[in-house]
Amino acid sequence: MTVDLEASAKGLHFVSRGYALALGPGAMRLDHLAEGEHVFAVVLTLTHPWFGCVLRQTCLFRDTKDQNSSASRSRAMSIAHSP
């Protein structure tokens, strides 16, 4: 899948140039969004020209510090999805 990277004041957006299903072509979008200090969301959306939004999944992450080092990592906070 080929994606284009777009930047906005809110975050990074990964937008596909298309995807294909047995029901015809569609589009995928992946957004990486700032949600506050050390918190970001990843939103996956699949849309179809006939059916509209067929999948929307959101996952929130919080950067945390490793107790054994100063390196930070991302930890999932919650996951939500809807068609």
Protein backbone atom coordinates (compact mmCIF):
# COMPACT_ATOMS: atom_id res chain seq x y z
CA MET A 1 0.00 0.00 0.00
CA THR A 2 1.37 3.41 -0.93
CA VAL A 3 0.76 6.21 1.57
CA ASP A 4 1.29 9.95 1.52
CA LEU A 5 2.44 11.75 4.67
CA GLU A 6 0.62 14.94 5.62
CA ALA A 7 1.43 17.17 8.58
CA SER A 8 -0.96 19.46 10.43
CA ALA A 9 -0.80 21.47 13.64
CA LYS A 10 -2.49 18.51 15.39
CA GLY A 11 -0.16 15.73 14.19
CA LEU A 12 0.94 13.44 11.36
CA HIS A 13 -1.47 11.86 8.86
CA PHE A 14 -0.70 8.81 6.70
CA VAL A 15 -3.16 8.72 3.78
CA SER A 16 -3.22 5.81 1.33
CA ARG A 17 -3.48 6.28 -2.38
CA GLY A 18 -6.09 3.52 -2.28
CA TYR A 19 -6.73 -0.08 -1.33
CA ALA A 20 -8.78 -2.81 -3.01
CA LEU A 21 -11.43 -5.18 -1.71
CA ALA A 22 -13.57 -7.67 -3.58
CA LEU A 23 -16.27 -4.96 -3.38
CA GLY A 24 -14.17 -2.40 -5.24
CA PRO A 25 -11.59 0.27 -4.43
CA GLY A 26 -11.43 2.31 -1.24
CA ALA A 27 -9.12 4.48 0.82
CA MET A 28 -7.22 4.04 4.08
CA ARG A 29 -6.13 6.88 6.36
CA LEU A 30 -3.86 6.61 9.40
CA ASP A 31 -3.61 9.68 11.65
CA HIS A 32 -1.02 10.18 14.41
CA LEU A 33 -2.47 12.97 16.58
CA ALA A 34 -1.18 14.89 19.60
CA GLU A 35 -3.74 14.64 22.42
CA GLY A 36 -1.89 16.47 25.18
CA GLU A 37 1.43 16.28 26.97
CA HIS A 38 2.97 12.83 26.38
CA VAL A 39 -0.31 11.49 24.89
CA PHE A 40 -1.04 10.73 21.24
CA ALA A 41 -3.75 8.94 19.30
CA VAL A 42 -3.46 6.69 16.27
CA VAL A 43 -6.68 6.65 14.20
CA LEU A 44 -7.19 4.16 11.36
CA THR A 45 -10.08 4.84 8.96
CA LEU A 46 -11.18 2.75 5.96
CA THR A 47 -13.70 4.30 3.58
CA HIS A 48 -15.47 2.95 0.54
CA PRO A 49 -17.06 5.08 -2.21
CA TRP A 50 -20.38 3.21 -1.96
CA PHE A 51 -20.52 2.27 1.75
CA GLY A 52 -18.77 5.29 3.31
CA CYS A 53 -16.77 4.66 6.49
CA VAL A 54 -16.44 0.88 6.96
CA LEU A 55 -13.92 0.96 9.83
CA ARG A 56 -12.64 3.57 12.26
CA GLN A 57 -10.28 2.47 15.03
CA THR A 58 -8.71 4.77 17.61
CA CYS A 59 -5.94 3.91 20.05
CA LEU A 60 -4.54 6.34 22.62
CA PHE A 61 -0.92 6.07 23.75
CA ARG A 62 0.94 7.69 26.63
CA ASP A 63 4.71 8.05 26.67
CA THR A 64 6.14 6.63 29.89
CA LYS A 65 9.64 6.44 31.31
CA ASP A 66 11.24 3.07 31.77
CA GLN A 67 12.06 2.51 35.44
CA ASN A 68 15.47 1.04 34.52
CA SER A 69 16.55 3.76 32.07
CA SER A 70 15.77 7.28 30.94
CA ALA A 71 14.43 6.02 27.59
CA SER A 72 10.74 6.57 27.01
CA ARG A 73 8.33 4.14 25.40
CA SER A 74 4.71 4.20 24.32
CA ARG A 75 2.03 2.29 26.17
CA ALA A 76 -1.52 1.81 24.89
CA MET A 77 -4.11 3.53 27.09
CA SER A 78 -7.35 2.52 25.39
CA ILE A 79 -8.72 1.22 22.12
CA ALA A 80 -12.02 2.09 20.46
CA HIS A 81 -13.41 1.16 17.07
CA SER A 82 -16.61 1.64 15.14
CA PRO A 83 -17.84 1.01 11.61
